[in-house]
Amino acid sequence: MEPGPALAWLLLLSLLADCLKAAQSRDFTVKDIVYLHPSTTPYPGGFKCFTCEKAADNYECNRWAPDIYCPRETRYCYTQHTMEVTGNSISVTKRCVPLEECLSTGCRDSEHEGHKVWATKQVTGLHFLL
């Protein structure tokens, strides 16, 4: 073998070895992720909710509802599901709300006879029915 190609390979391997020494691997931390992606939310602690007004049922709401960032003054994703006593859906509304609008969660009778209203809230990705 000629000395030229062997020398070229030796220099290439030497260069690669130097590059590997310079790059030290480590695990990413939360601080690294926040630093690398500062625009993941519009503000620290920002979150998204599906939003819809008076959809026919939960499927239709989730199918077409935009997943939007909630305003800073809101803290919860709120769902109001109005149903007949038989369980048939009448309407579903989902929106971002502050705590004050989220205190009356659970099932209650509606002003319309034979209708029930279920209200739920979602906190940091967990869905609670209170």
Protein backbone atom coordinates (compact mmCIF):
# COMPACT_ATOMS: atom_id res chain seq x y z
CA MET A 1 0.00 0.00 0.00
CA GLU A 2 1.26 3.46 -0.82
CA PRO A 3 2.08 5.78 2.08
CA GLY A 4 -0.32 8.50 0.78
CA PRO A 5 -3.67 6.77 1.46
CA ALA A 6 -2.46 5.25 4.72
CA LEU A 7 -1.27 8.66 5.92
CA ALA A 8 -4.59 10.23 4.89
CA TRP A 9 -6.51 7.61 6.91
CA LEU A 10 -4.25 8.19 9.91
CA LEU A 11 -4.82 11.95 9.76
CA LEU A 12 -8.58 11.47 9.35
CA LEU A 13 -8.78 9.14 12.35
CA SER A 14 -6.66 11.53 14.40
CA LEU A 15 -9.00 14.41 13.50
CA LEU A 16 -12.08 12.37 14.44
CA ALA A 17 -10.52 11.37 17.77
CA ASP A 18 -9.90 15.05 18.58
CA CYS A 19 -13.52 15.92 17.74
CA LEU A 20 -14.84 13.17 20.00
CA LYS A 21 -12.74 14.45 22.91
CA ALA A 22 -14.15 17.97 22.46
CA ALA A 23 -17.80 16.84 22.55
CA GLN A 24 -18.63 15.54 26.01
CA SER A 25 -22.04 13.96 26.34
CA ARG A 26 -24.40 14.50 29.26
CA ASP A 27 -28.12 14.22 29.96
CA PHE A 28 -30.38 17.18 29.21
CA THR A 29 -31.87 18.92 32.21
CA VAL A 30 -35.12 20.87 32.42
CA LYS A 31 -33.02 24.04 32.46
CA ASP A 32 -31.41 23.01 29.15
CA ILE A 33 -34.79 22.38 27.55
CA VAL A 34 -36.18 25.74 28.70
CA TYR A 35 -33.04 27.47 27.43
CA LEU A 36 -33.19 25.73 24.06
CA HIS A 37 -36.94 26.22 23.60
CA PRO A 38 -37.92 29.52 25.24
CA SER A 39 -40.98 29.91 22.99
CA THR A 40 -42.71 26.64 23.85
CA THR A 41 -45.46 28.60 25.65
CA PRO A 42 -46.42 32.26 25.36
CA TYR A 43 -45.56 32.77 29.06
CA PRO A 44 -44.07 30.63 31.86
CA GLY A 45 -46.60 28.06 32.99
CA GLY A 46 -48.73 28.58 29.89
CA PHE A 47 -51.08 25.78 28.84
CA LYS A 48 -53.54 24.87 26.10
CA CYS A 49 -57.21 23.94 26.16
CA PHE A 50 -59.56 22.62 23.52
CA THR A 51 -62.23 25.28 22.98
CA CYS A 52 -65.71 25.01 21.49
CA GLU A 53 -69.11 26.64 22.01
CA LYS A 54 -72.28 24.55 22.07
CA ALA A 55 -71.00 21.63 20.01
CA ALA A 56 -73.51 18.83 19.44
CA ASP A 57 -71.53 16.36 21.57
CA ASN A 58 -68.06 15.73 23.00
CA TYR A 59 -66.87 13.98 19.84
CA GLU A 60 -67.80 16.95 17.63
CA CYS A 61 -66.17 19.36 20.06
CA ASN A 62 -62.90 17.42 20.23
CA ARG A 63 -62.91 16.81 16.49
CA TRP A 64 -63.09 20.47 15.49
CA ALA A 65 -62.04 22.37 18.62
CA PRO A 66 -58.89 24.43 18.27
CA ASP A 67 -56.24 23.71 20.89
CA ILE A 68 -55.37 27.26 21.97
CA TYR A 69 -53.05 28.79 24.56
CA CYS A 70 -55.13 30.14 27.41
CA PRO A 71 -54.83 33.74 28.56
CA ARG A 72 -52.49 34.34 31.49
CA GLU A 73 -55.33 35.15 33.92
CA THR A 74 -56.95 31.74 33.43
CA ARG A 75 -55.79 28.59 35.21
CA TYR A 76 -58.12 25.78 34.12
CA CYS A 77 -59.71 24.09 31.12
CA TYR A 78 -63.46 23.97 31.77
CA THR A 79 -66.02 21.67 30.12
CA GLN A 80 -69.78 22.04 30.42
CA HIS A 81 -71.76 19.11 29.00
CA THR A 82 -75.55 19.45 28.91
CA MET A 83 -77.44 16.17 28.53
CA GLU A 84 -80.95 14.80 28.61
CA VAL A 85 -81.80 12.58 31.57
CA THR A 86 -81.50 9.63 29.17
CA GLY A 87 -77.83 10.49 28.58
CA ASN A 88 -78.20 11.94 25.08
CA SER A 89 -75.96 14.94 24.52
CA ILE A 90 -77.51 18.37 23.97
CA SER A 91 -74.39 20.54 23.88
CA VAL A 92 -70.73 20.74 24.92
CA THR A 93 -68.81 23.93 25.64
CA LYS A 94 -65.09 24.01 26.45
CA ARG A 95 -63.05 27.08 27.34
CA CYS A 96 -60.25 28.51 29.48
CA VAL A 97 -61.46 29.87 32.83
CA PRO A 98 -60.11 31.41 36.04
CA LEU A 99 -60.64 29.60 39.34
CA GLU A 100 -63.77 31.63 40.17
CA GLU A 101 -65.64 30.13 37.19
CA CYS A 102 -64.53 26.62 38.07
CA LEU A 103 -65.90 26.31 41.60
CA SER A 104 -69.23 24.74 40.66
CA THR A 105 -68.06 21.50 39.08
CA GLY A 106 -70.17 18.35 39.14
CA CYS A 107 -73.66 17.46 38.02
CA ARG A 108 -76.68 19.72 38.54
CA ASP A 109 -80.21 20.04 37.22
CA SER A 110 -80.71 22.51 34.40
CA GLU A 111 -83.37 25.21 34.13
CA HIS A 112 -84.87 23.07 31.34
CA GLU A 113 -86.86 20.13 32.68
CA GLY A 114 -85.27 16.78 32.05
CA HIS A 115 -81.78 18.17 31.41
CA LYS A 116 -78.61 17.68 33.47
CA VAL A 117 -75.44 19.78 33.28
CA TRP A 118 -72.03 18.20 33.96
CA ALA A 119 -69.21 20.63 34.65
CA THR A 120 -65.60 19.49 34.86
CA LYS A 121 -62.20 21.12 35.01
CA GLN A 122 -58.80 20.03 33.81
CA VAL A 123 -55.68 20.89 35.76
CA THR A 124 -52.17 20.43 34.29
CA GLY A 125 -53.15 17.58 32.06
CA LEU A 126 -55.22 15.67 34.63
CA HIS A 127 -58.99 15.55 34.24
CA PHE A 128 -61.09 15.70 37.40
CA LEU A 129 -64.82 15.35 37.80
CA LEU A 130 -65.71 16.93 41.11
